[in-house]
Structure formats: structure tokens, C-alpha cells
C-alpha atoms as a PDB file:
ATOM      1  CA  UNK A   1      -4.304 -19.492 -15.681  1.00  0.00           C
ATOM      2  CA  UNK A   2      -3.577 -19.136 -11.965  1.00  0.00           C
ATOM      3  CA  UNK A   3      -4.312 -15.808 -10.375  1.00  0.00           C
ATOM      4  CA  UNK A   4      -2.737 -13.445  -7.890  1.00  0.00           C
ATOM      5  CA  UNK A   5      -4.757 -12.687  -4.773  1.00  0.00           C
ATOM      6  CA  UNK A   6      -4.494  -9.110  -3.534  1.00  0.00           C
ATOM      7  CA  UNK A   7      -5.511  -8.680   0.093  1.00  0.00           C
ATOM      8  CA  UNK A   8      -6.307  -5.250   1.433  1.00  0.00           C
ATOM      9  CA  UNK A   9      -7.394  -4.355  -2.093  1.00  0.00           C
ATOM     10  CA  UNK A  10      -9.147  -1.204  -0.918  1.00  0.00           C
ATOM     11  CA  UNK A  11      -6.063   0.161   0.853  1.00  0.00           C
ATOM     12  CA  UNK A  12      -3.376   2.571  -0.293  1.00  0.00           C
ATOM     13  CA  UNK A  13      -1.067  -0.048  -1.769  1.00  0.00           C
ATOM     14  CA  UNK A  14      -3.639  -2.768  -2.446  1.00  0.00           C
ATOM     15  CA  UNK A  15      -5.694  -0.789  -4.921  1.00  0.00           C
ATOM     16  CA  UNK A  16      -2.515   0.361  -6.651  1.00  0.00           C
ATOM     17  CA  UNK A  17      -1.298  -3.227  -6.899  1.00  0.00           C
ATOM     18  CA  UNK A  18      -4.564  -4.299  -8.518  1.00  0.00           C
ATOM     19  CA  UNK A  19      -4.445  -1.342 -10.911  1.00  0.00           C
ATOM     20  CA  UNK A  20      -0.892  -2.221 -11.974  1.00  0.00           C
ATOM     21  CA  UNK A  21      -1.757  -5.894 -12.439  1.00  0.00           C
ATOM     22  CA  UNK A  22      -4.723  -4.837 -14.563  1.00  0.00           C
ATOM     23  CA  UNK A  23      -2.456  -2.655 -16.712  1.00  0.00           C
ATOM     24  CA  UNK A  24      -0.090  -5.579 -17.229  1.00  0.00           C
ATOM     25  CA  UNK A  25      -2.913  -7.994 -18.052  1.00  0.00           C
ATOM     26  CA  UNK A  26      -2.035 -10.267 -15.138  1.00  0.00           C
ATOM     27  CA  UNK A  27      -4.983 -12.359 -13.853  1.00  0.00           C
ATOM     28  CA  UNK A  28      -5.785 -11.327 -10.301  1.00  0.00           C
ATOM     29  CA  UNK A  29      -8.561 -11.005  -7.774  1.00  0.00           C
ATOM     30  CA  UNK A  30      -9.025  -8.118  -5.374  1.00  0.00           C
ATOM     31  CA  UNK A  31     -10.193  -9.295  -1.960  1.00  0.00           C
ATOM     32  CA  UNK A  32     -11.664  -7.319   0.908  1.00  0.00           C
ATOM     33  CA  UNK A  33     -14.450  -7.643   3.454  1.00  0.00           C
ATOM     34  CA  UNK A  34     -16.946  -5.822   1.245  1.00  0.00           C
ATOM     35  CA  UNK A  35     -15.491  -6.444  -2.218  1.00  0.00           C
ATOM     36  CA  UNK A  36     -16.433  -8.746  -5.090  1.00  0.00           C
ATOM     37  CA  UNK A  37     -14.137 -11.377  -3.563  1.00  0.00           C
ATOM     38  CA  UNK A  38     -15.155 -11.519   0.124  1.00  0.00           C
ATOM     39  CA  UNK A  39     -12.259 -11.931   2.534  1.00  0.00           C
ATOM     40  CA  UNK A  40     -12.134 -11.442   6.275  1.00  0.00           C
ATOM     41  CA  UNK A  41      -9.067 -12.250   8.362  1.00  0.00           C
ATOM     42  CA  UNK A  42     -11.387 -12.998  11.279  1.00  0.00           C
ATOM     43  CA  UNK A  43     -13.535 -15.461   9.328  1.00  0.00           C
ATOM     44  CA  UNK A  44     -11.543 -18.471   7.996  1.00  0.00           C
ATOM     45  CA  UNK A  45     -14.668 -19.569   6.138  1.00  0.00           C
ATOM     46  CA  UNK A  46     -13.879 -16.847   3.566  1.00  0.00           C
ATOM     47  CA  UNK A  47     -10.318 -17.991   2.961  1.00  0.00           C
ATOM     48  CA  UNK A  48     -10.740 -21.010   0.684  1.00  0.00           C
ATOM     49  CA  UNK A  49     -12.883 -19.301  -1.941  1.00  0.00           C
ATOM     50  CA  UNK A  50     -10.443 -16.388  -2.079  1.00  0.00           C
ATOM     51  CA  UNK A  51      -7.488 -18.782  -2.449  1.00  0.00           C
ATOM     52  CA  UNK A  52      -9.024 -21.075  -5.064  1.00  0.00           C
ATOM     53  CA  UNK A  53      -6.640 -21.284  -8.043  1.00  0.00           C
ATOM     54  CA  UNK A  54      -4.229 -18.700  -6.631  1.00  0.00           C
ATOM     55  CA  UNK A  55      -0.484 -18.894  -7.300  1.00  0.00           C
ATOM     56  CA  UNK A  56       0.628 -15.726  -5.532  1.00  0.00           C
ATOM     57  CA  UNK A  57      -0.640 -13.584  -2.653  1.00  0.00           C
ATOM     58  CA  UNK A  58      -0.059  -9.968  -1.711  1.00  0.00           C
ATOM     59  CA  UNK A  59      -0.367 -10.056   2.062  1.00  0.00           C
ATOM     60  CA  UNK A  60      -1.616  -6.958   3.863  1.00  0.00           C
ATOM     61  CA  UNK A  61      -2.547  -7.736   7.435  1.00  0.00           C
ATOM     62  CA  UNK A  62      -4.205  -5.369   9.926  1.00  0.00           C
ATOM     63  CA  UNK A  63      -1.757  -3.993  12.479  1.00  0.00           C
ATOM     64  CA  UNK A  64      -3.590  -5.325  15.520  1.00  0.00           C
ATOM     65  CA  UNK A  65      -4.282  -8.828  14.155  1.00  0.00           C
ATOM     66  CA  UNK A  66      -2.726 -11.721  16.147  1.00  0.00           C
ATOM     67  CA  UNK A  67       0.213 -13.401  14.422  1.00  0.00           C
ATOM     68  CA  UNK A  68      -1.490 -16.790  14.773  1.00  0.00           C
ATOM     69  CA  UNK A  69      -4.081 -15.673  12.222  1.00  0.00           C
ATOM     70  CA  UNK A  70      -1.383 -14.891   9.651  1.00  0.00           C
ATOM     71  CA  UNK A  71       0.288 -18.227  10.402  1.00  0.00           C
ATOM     72  CA  UNK A  72      -2.948 -20.127   9.827  1.00  0.00           C
ATOM     73  CA  UNK A  73      -3.721 -18.243   6.621  1.00  0.00           C
ATOM     74  CA  UNK A  74      -0.287 -18.671   5.048  1.00  0.00           C
ATOM     75  CA  UNK A  75      -0.374 -22.383   5.856  1.00  0.00           C
ATOM     76  CA  UNK A  76      -3.785 -22.615   4.176  1.00  0.00           C
ATOM     77  CA  UNK A  77      -2.563 -20.635   1.157  1.00  0.00           C
ATOM     78  CA  UNK A  78       0.493 -22.825   0.606  1.00  0.00           C
ATOM     79  CA  UNK A  79      -1.523 -26.014   1.116  1.00  0.00           C
ATOM     80  CA  UNK A  80      -3.939 -24.831  -1.598  1.00  0.00           C
ATOM     81  CA  UNK A  81      -1.162 -24.155  -4.102  1.00  0.00           C
ATOM     82  CA  UNK A  82       0.098 -20.618  -3.519  1.00  0.00           C
ATOM     83  CA  UNK A  83       3.760 -20.568  -4.505  1.00  0.00           C
ATOM     84  CA  UNK A  84       4.696 -16.937  -3.967  1.00  0.00           C
ATOM     85  CA  UNK A  85       3.969 -14.634  -1.008  1.00  0.00           C
ATOM     86  CA  UNK A  86       4.736 -10.920  -0.855  1.00  0.00           C
ATOM     87  CA  UNK A  87       4.293  -9.392   2.597  1.00  0.00           C
ATOM     88  CA  UNK A  88       3.744  -5.712   3.269  1.00  0.00           C
ATOM     89  CA  UNK A  89       5.691  -5.103   6.467  1.00  0.00           C
ATOM     90  CA  UNK A  90       7.236  -1.877   7.797  1.00  0.00           C
ATOM     91  CA  UNK A  91      10.755  -0.494   7.982  1.00  0.00           C
ATOM     92  CA  UNK A  92      10.857   1.764  11.015  1.00  0.00           C
ATOM     93  CA  UNK A  93       9.179   1.842  14.394  1.00  0.00           C
ATOM     94  CA  UNK A  94      11.527  -0.216  16.520  1.00  0.00           C
ATOM     95  CA  UNK A  95      13.275  -3.540  15.947  1.00  0.00           C
ATOM     96  CA  UNK A  96      10.359  -5.712  17.034  1.00  0.00           C
ATOM     97  CA  UNK A  97       7.722  -4.239  14.707  1.00  0.00           C
ATOM     98  CA  UNK A  98       6.477  -6.738  12.100  1.00  0.00           C
ATOM     99  CA  UNK A  99       9.433  -9.097  12.404  1.00  0.00           C
ATOM    100  CA  UNK A 100       7.410 -12.032  13.812  1.00  0.00           C
ATOM    101  CA  UNK A 101       5.036 -11.894  10.867  1.00  0.00           C
ATOM    102  CA  UNK A 102       7.981 -11.717   8.485  1.00  0.00           C
ATOM    103  CA  UNK A 103       9.356 -14.942   9.944  1.00  0.00           C
ATOM    104  CA  UNK A 104       5.970 -16.603   9.476  1.00  0.00           C
ATOM    105  CA  UNK A 105       6.074 -15.821   5.752  1.00  0.00           C
ATOM    106  CA  UNK A 106       9.739 -16.755   5.422  1.00  0.00           C
ATOM    107  CA  UNK A 107       9.068 -20.166   6.979  1.00  0.00           C
ATOM    108  CA  UNK A 108       5.828 -20.814   5.079  1.00  0.00           C
ATOM    109  CA  UNK A 109       7.341 -23.050   2.403  1.00  0.00           C
ATOM    110  CA  UNK A 110       6.503 -20.581  -0.386  1.00  0.00           C
ATOM    111  CA  UNK A 111       8.797 -18.274  -2.309  1.00  0.00           C
ATOM    112  CA  UNK A 112       8.706 -14.983  -0.405  1.00  0.00           C
ATOM    113  CA  UNK A 113       9.519 -11.279  -0.638  1.00  0.00           C
ATOM    114  CA  UNK A 114       9.273  -8.789   2.226  1.00  0.00           C
ATOM    115  CA  UNK A 115       8.498  -5.107   1.651  1.00  0.00           C
ATOM    116  CA  UNK A 116       9.407  -2.699   4.452  1.00  0.00           C
ATOM    117  CA  UNK A 117       8.173   0.778   3.507  1.00  0.00           C
ATOM    118  CA  UNK A 118       8.402   3.937   5.534  1.00  0.00           C
ATOM    119  CA  UNK A 119       5.370   6.202   6.051  1.00  0.00           C
ATOM    120  CA  UNK A 120       3.529   6.861   2.787  1.00  0.00           C
ATOM    121  CA  UNK A 121       3.329  10.220   1.021  1.00  0.00           C
ATOM    122  CA  UNK A 122      -0.355   9.434   0.554  1.00  0.00           C
ATOM    123  CA  UNK A 123      -1.035   9.679   4.281  1.00  0.00           C
ATOM    124  CA  UNK A 124      -1.163  13.426   3.626  1.00  0.00           C
ATOM    125  CA  UNK A 125      -3.781  13.205   0.864  1.00  0.00           C
ATOM    126  CA  UNK A 126      -5.885  10.096   1.390  1.00  0.00           C
ATOM    127  CA  UNK A 127      -4.908   8.796   4.802  1.00  0.00           C
ATOM    128  CA  UNK A 128      -4.643   9.738   8.429  1.00  0.00           C
ATOM    129  CA  UNK A 129      -3.285  13.274   7.878  1.00  0.00           C
ATOM    130  CA  UNK A 130      -5.533  14.304   4.977  1.00  0.00           C
ATOM    131  CA  UNK A 131      -8.259  15.943   7.049  1.00  0.00           C
ATOM    132  CA  UNK A 132      -5.678  17.875   9.057  1.00  0.00           C
ATOM    133  CA  UNK A 133      -3.975  19.099   5.884  1.00  0.00           C
ATOM    134  CA  UNK A 134      -7.306  20.309   4.524  1.00  0.00           C
ATOM    135  CA  UNK A 135      -7.971  22.094   7.822  1.00  0.00           C
ATOM    136  CA  UNK A 136      -4.586  23.824   7.560  1.00  0.00           C
ATOM    137  CA  UNK A 137      -3.014  22.396  10.716  1.00  0.00           C
ATOM    138  CA  UNK A 138      -1.153  19.151  11.392  1.00  0.00           C
ATOM    139  CA  UNK A 139      -1.137  18.437  15.151  1.00  0.00           C
ATOM    140  CA  UNK A 140       1.175  15.463  15.783  1.00  0.00           C
ATOM    141  CA  UNK A 141       3.563  14.158  18.476  1.00  0.00           C
ATOM    142  CA  UNK A 142       6.463  13.939  16.000  1.00  0.00           C
ATOM    143  CA  UNK A 143       8.532  16.810  17.375  1.00  0.00           C
ATOM    144  CA  UNK A 144      11.214  17.918  14.921  1.00  0.00           C
ATOM    145  CA  UNK A 145      11.935  14.372  13.800  1.00  0.00           C
ATOM    146  CA  UNK A 146      12.401  13.352  10.187  1.00  0.00           C
ATOM    147  CA  UNK A 147      10.954  10.493   8.153  1.00  0.00           C
ATOM    148  CA  UNK A 148      12.071   9.257   4.721  1.00  0.00           C
ATOM    149  CA  UNK A 149       8.473   9.168   3.444  1.00  0.00           C
ATOM    150  CA  UNK A 150       7.864   6.928   0.406  1.00  0.00           C
ATOM    151  CA  UNK A 151       5.364   6.980  -2.449  1.00  0.00           C
ATOM    152  CA  UNK A 152       2.710   4.249  -2.187  1.00  0.00           C
ATOM    153  CA  UNK A 153       2.970   3.939  -5.986  1.00  0.00           C
ATOM    154  CA  UNK A 154       6.613   2.891  -5.605  1.00  0.00           C
ATOM    155  CA  UNK A 155       5.630   0.348  -2.963  1.00  0.00           C
ATOM    156  CA  UNK A 156       2.879  -1.074  -5.177  1.00  0.00           C
ATOM    157  CA  UNK A 157       5.194  -1.365  -8.169  1.00  0.00           C
ATOM    158  CA  UNK A 158       7.756  -3.182  -6.031  1.00  0.00           C
ATOM    159  CA  UNK A 159       5.015  -5.569  -4.903  1.00  0.00           C
ATOM    160  CA  UNK A 160       3.926  -6.267  -8.478  1.00  0.00           C
ATOM    161  CA  UNK A 161       7.514  -6.872  -9.542  1.00  0.00           C
ATOM    162  CA  UNK A 162       7.936  -9.382  -6.722  1.00  0.00           C
ATOM    163  CA  UNK A 163       4.649 -11.089  -7.615  1.00  0.00           C
ATOM    164  CA  UNK A 164       5.250 -11.350 -11.355  1.00  0.00           C
ATOM    165  CA  UNK A 165       8.996 -11.358 -12.029  1.00  0.00           C
ATOM    166  CA  UNK A 166      11.989 -13.511 -11.176  1.00  0.00           C
ATOM    167  CA  UNK A 167      14.891 -12.120  -9.205  1.00  0.00           C
ATOM    168  CA  UNK A 168      12.984 -10.991  -6.120  1.00  0.00           C
ATOM    169  CA  UNK A 169      12.884 -14.286  -4.249  1.00  0.00           C
ATOM    170  CA  UNK A 170      14.015 -14.236  -0.625  1.00  0.00           C
ATOM    171  CA  UNK A 171      14.640 -10.498  -0.772  1.00  0.00           C
ATOM    172  CA  UNK A 172      13.842  -7.914   1.871  1.00  0.00           C
ATOM    173  CA  UNK A 173      13.298  -4.494   0.321  1.00  0.00           C
ATOM    174  CA  UNK A 174      13.475  -1.517   2.639  1.00  0.00           C
ATOM    175  CA  UNK A 175      11.567   1.162   0.745  1.00  0.00           C
ATOM    176  CA  UNK A 176      12.018   4.883   1.351  1.00  0.00           C
ATOM    177  CA  UNK A 177      11.821   8.108  -0.567  1.00  0.00           C
ATOM    178  CA  UNK A 178      14.938   9.990  -1.712  1.00  0.00           C
ATOM    179  CA  UNK A 179      15.184  12.348   1.273  1.00  0.00           C
ATOM    180  CA  UNK A 180      14.077  12.591   4.908  1.00  0.00           C
ATOM    181  CA  UNK A 181      11.520  15.271   5.718  1.00  0.00           C
ATOM    182  CA  UNK A 182      10.150  16.623   8.968  1.00  0.00           C
ATOM    183  CA  UNK A 183       6.415  17.163   9.182  1.00  0.00           C
ATOM    184  CA  UNK A 184       7.092  20.901   9.153  1.00  0.00           C
ATOM    185  CA  UNK A 185       9.033  20.526   5.894  1.00  0.00           C
ATOM    186  CA  UNK A 186       6.327  18.331   4.374  1.00  0.00           C
ATOM    187  CA  UNK A 187       3.707  20.933   5.326  1.00  0.00           C
ATOM    188  CA  UNK A 188       5.831  23.632   3.686  1.00  0.00           C
ATOM    189  CA  UNK A 189       6.089  21.657   0.433  1.00  0.00           C
ATOM    190  CA  UNK A 190       2.330  21.083   0.367  1.00  0.00           C
ATOM    191  CA  UNK A 191       1.729  24.775   1.051  1.00  0.00           C
ATOM    192  CA  UNK A 192       4.057  25.897  -1.732  1.00  0.00           C
ATOM    193  CA  UNK A 193       2.703  23.423  -4.285  1.00  0.00           C
ATOM    194  CA  UNK A 194      -1.001  23.642  -3.461  1.00  0.00           C
ATOM    195  CA  UNK A 195      -1.244  27.329  -2.635  1.00  0.00           C
ATOM    196  CA  UNK A 196      -2.998  26.629   0.667  1.00  0.00           C
ATOM    197  CA  UNK A 197      -1.460  27.349   4.062  1.00  0.00           C
ATOM    198  CA  UNK A 198      -0.648  24.184   6.020  1.00  0.00           C
ATOM    199  CA  UNK A 199       1.104  24.455   9.386  1.00  0.00           C
ATOM    200  CA  UNK A 200       2.623  21.789  11.617  1.00  0.00           C
ATOM    201  CA  UNK A 201       2.056  21.980  15.381  1.00  0.00           C
ATOM    202  CA  UNK A 202       3.960  19.502  17.587  1.00  0.00           C
ATOM    203  CA  UNK A 203       1.880  18.212  20.507  1.00  0.00           C
ATOM    204  CA  UNK A 204       2.351  15.598  23.213  1.00  0.00           C
ATOM    205  CA  UNK A 205       1.560  11.929  22.668  1.00  0.00           C
ATOM    206  CA  UNK A 206      -1.151  12.051  25.347  1.00  0.00           C
ATOM    207  CA  UNK A 207      -2.828  15.013  23.675  1.00  0.00           C
ATOM    208  CA  UNK A 208      -2.712  13.245  20.323  1.00  0.00           C
ATOM    209  CA  UNK A 209      -4.263  10.088  21.759  1.00  0.00           C
ATOM    210  CA  UNK A 210      -7.065  12.143  23.301  1.00  0.00           C
ATOM    211  CA  UNK A 211      -7.724  13.944  20.016  1.00  0.00           C
ATOM    212  CA  UNK A 212      -7.857  10.687  18.041  1.00  0.00           C
ATOM    213  CA  UNK A 213     -10.245   9.090  20.539  1.00  0.00           C
ATOM    214  CA  UNK A 214     -12.450  12.178  20.317  1.00  0.00           C
ATOM    215  CA  UNK A 215     -12.784  11.568  16.557  1.00  0.00           C
ATOM    216  CA  UNK A 216     -14.013   8.015  17.182  1.00  0.00           C
ATOM    217  CA  UNK A 217     -10.803   5.999  16.926  1.00  0.00           C
ATOM    218  CA  UNK A 218     -10.245   3.132  19.347  1.00  0.00           C
ATOM    219  CA  UNK A 219      -7.867   3.461  22.273  1.00  0.00           C
ATOM    220  CA  UNK A 220      -5.478   0.713  20.996  1.00  0.00           C
ATOM    221  CA  UNK A 221      -5.316   2.324  17.545  1.00  0.00           C
ATOM    222  CA  UNK A 222      -4.758   5.792  18.971  1.00  0.00           C
ATOM    223  CA  UNK A 223      -1.956   4.574  21.216  1.00  0.00           C
ATOM    224  CA  UNK A 224      -0.322   2.685  18.342  1.00  0.00           C
ATOM    225  CA  UNK A 225      -0.339   5.775  16.129  1.00  0.00           C
ATOM    226  CA  UNK A 226       1.064   7.906  18.939  1.00  0.00           C
ATOM    227  CA  UNK A 227       3.842   5.383  19.481  1.00  0.00           C
ATOM    228  CA  UNK A 228       4.736   5.344  15.777  1.00  0.00           C
ATOM    229  CA  UNK A 229       4.794   9.125  15.607  1.00  0.00           C
ATOM    230  CA  UNK A 230       6.934   9.280  18.729  1.00  0.00           C
ATOM    231  CA  UNK A 231       9.467   7.090  16.912  1.00  0.00           C
ATOM    232  CA  UNK A 232       9.410   9.636  14.093  1.00  0.00           C
ATOM    233  CA  UNK A 233      10.279  12.302  16.660  1.00  0.00           C
ATOM    234  CA  UNK A 234      13.377  10.248  17.458  1.00  0.00           C
ATOM    235  CA  UNK A 235      14.434  10.063  13.779  1.00  0.00           C
ATOM    236  CA  UNK A 236      13.899   6.290  13.728  1.00  0.00           C
ATOM    237  CA  UNK A 237      12.843   6.444  10.078  1.00  0.00           C
ATOM    238  CA  UNK A 238      15.086   9.250   8.855  1.00  0.00           C
ATOM    239  CA  UNK A 239      17.681   7.150   7.035  1.00  0.00           C
ATOM    240  CA  UNK A 240      17.469   6.535   3.282  1.00  0.00           C
ATOM    241  CA  UNK A 241      17.072   2.975   1.961  1.00  0.00           C
ATOM    242  CA  UNK A 242      17.878   1.671  -1.524  1.00  0.00           C
ATOM    243  CA  UNK A 243      14.965  -0.775  -1.793  1.00  0.00           C
ATOM    244  CA  UNK A 244      13.097   1.079  -4.545  1.00  0.00           C
ATOM    245  CA  UNK A 245      16.180   1.135  -6.769  1.00  0.00           C
ATOM    246  CA  UNK A 246      16.950  -2.514  -6.015  1.00  0.00           C
ATOM    247  CA  UNK A 247      13.400  -3.640  -6.766  1.00  0.00           C
ATOM    248  CA  UNK A 248      12.595  -1.366  -9.713  1.00  0.00           C
ATOM    249  CA  UNK A 249      15.918  -0.205 -11.131  1.00  0.00           C
ATOM    250  CA  UNK A 250      15.066   3.492 -10.773  1.00  0.00           C
ATOM    251  CA  UNK A 251      15.130   6.185  -8.079  1.00  0.00           C
ATOM    252  CA  UNK A 252      12.096   6.683  -5.815  1.00  0.00           C
ATOM    253  CA  UNK A 253       9.687   9.534  -6.539  1.00  0.00           C
ATOM    254  CA  UNK A 254      10.124  12.778  -4.649  1.00  0.00           C
ATOM    255  CA  UNK A 255       7.643  14.268  -2.203  1.00  0.00           C
ATOM    256  CA  UNK A 256       7.380  17.393  -4.341  1.00  0.00           C
ATOM    257  CA  UNK A 257       6.386  15.356  -7.407  1.00  0.00           C
ATOM    258  CA  UNK A 258       3.778  13.562  -5.321  1.00  0.00           C
ATOM    259  CA  UNK A 259       2.405  16.842  -3.920  1.00  0.00           C
ATOM    260  CA  UNK A 260       2.085  18.310  -7.419  1.00  0.00           C
ATOM    261  CA  UNK A 261       0.116  15.279  -8.608  1.00  0.00           C
ATOM    262  CA  UNK A 262      -2.071  15.244  -5.501  1.00  0.00           C
ATOM    263  CA  UNK A 263      -2.819  18.938  -6.005  1.00  0.00           C
ATOM    264  CA  UNK A 264      -3.680  18.436  -9.672  1.00  0.00           C
ATOM    265  CA  UNK A 265      -6.064  15.631  -8.690  1.00  0.00           C
ATOM    266  CA  UNK A 266      -7.836  17.858  -6.170  1.00  0.00           C
ATOM    267  CA  UNK A 267      -6.709  15.959  -3.081  1.00  0.00           C
ATOM    268  CA  UNK A 268      -6.924  18.978  -0.768  1.00  0.00           C
ATOM    269  CA  UNK A 269      -9.923  20.874  -2.155  1.00  0.00           C
END
């Protein structure tokens, strides 16, 4: 039986996609640079083995990767028999973000689905904000802006539905949670649920870039994150989308429900 290839299998959505496929008994392979199935976007020699016998691909591409690499990979995937591509894109952050890569997938010759999530809940517990939450202070250039944060579990389930079910072909799903939250409000929810004090401190973009670089992040990455957070300050991602309901037939999970689960799992100990 043909398999589904999951790229970025060690990431927030990738590992949840593989877990869901495993639960459903769907043949799949989890690919990453250091995993059992070696895959490196920068090394085309790893592509063919990862694609051998694959009928569908969950595409997670690094933010700073050139679009030509995605174009070459999707062409290789389709030529080797992949019939279905599901791309993890992004909803907010300006009209130009991710749209070129979406067009590459849409014009690949395969059946396609595009997922455009907002910022993940899990950024607070296993991502870029987790250390700050544990320290008790979120220092970000997001001002008083709001974001309709979404659960990575909802995103992963939408991806699995698109990879395994009919009815999702040529669909663009904009995925958000059920309500917009400011970082101050998110910190308050985490504080109330976890019992630990978490405060939000707005800072300038330049200060944030300097702080990220001081922790070892690259200058391009730091500037990208500052730009994305500045868009949050402008309420670019504050609106609610219906993509979770369209893809899964149910409402998205709330931030409070996520925070309770994260607390019970010891995310902020």
C-alpha cells in the first residue's frame, strides 16, 4: 500500500500528523534530517528515498528556504507518483507571506490542499515563548494587538483529513481559534490555569531582535520573528476564520482548554 510522507515530522504539527495517522492505521513515514527516514531540503540526494512509494505528502518547508527548492521537490514528488499534496502555509503576516509557495503547490499537477493557520497555542508551551512563560515574563514587540491563536492539534487533524479523505481537494483552509487574544490576555489565562504568575511586557522590535540574537538565534530569523510579531501588534491576525469547522465539522479548541491540558502535562514546570 502506498504511504503518506510527513515532512517536518519533528515539528509541532508534523509529529501530531504522524501520531494521528498512526492512530488511524494509515501507512506513513516520518521524515526529518535526523529521523529514521532521512530528509534534507538542502540535499536533493535524500529526496528519492523519502518519496519512494508515496501517494501523499504533508509539506512543511522552512521559512527561509528559497521557493525554487519547493518547486523542484514538488516536481520530483509528482513525477514519482505523489497524487496529493497538503501544504502548511500561514494565514496572517501580510498578503505576500507564503503565497508564492502556495501557487507552486497549486500548479504542481497533484491534488492539493492549503492550510493557513494562525500562531499556535503550543508556541507558549513547546515553542518560541515557552522559556519566557516559565521565567514569568513574555517580552515581545506585539503591543496590545490580538491574534486568533489556533491549536496545533486542530491543524494536524485538518492535515490528516486532507491527506486521507475526499472533499478537501483544491481547498484553502484558514485555521484560527474561536477568539482573538492579546499576549497579555494569553498570559492571564496561563496564570489562572497554571497557578504561576506570567506577565506580558511589550518591547520594541529592535530590542526583541537584540534579545533573540543574544540567545544565539540568527539575525535573519530574529528579524523575521520581530516582523511577524509587529504584524500581531497591528491586529493582522485578529479576525476569526472558519477553516477548522469547514475541515473537521466541529468548532476549534479554546485557549483555556489547551492551557489546562498543557498544565496537566507539566509544560511549565
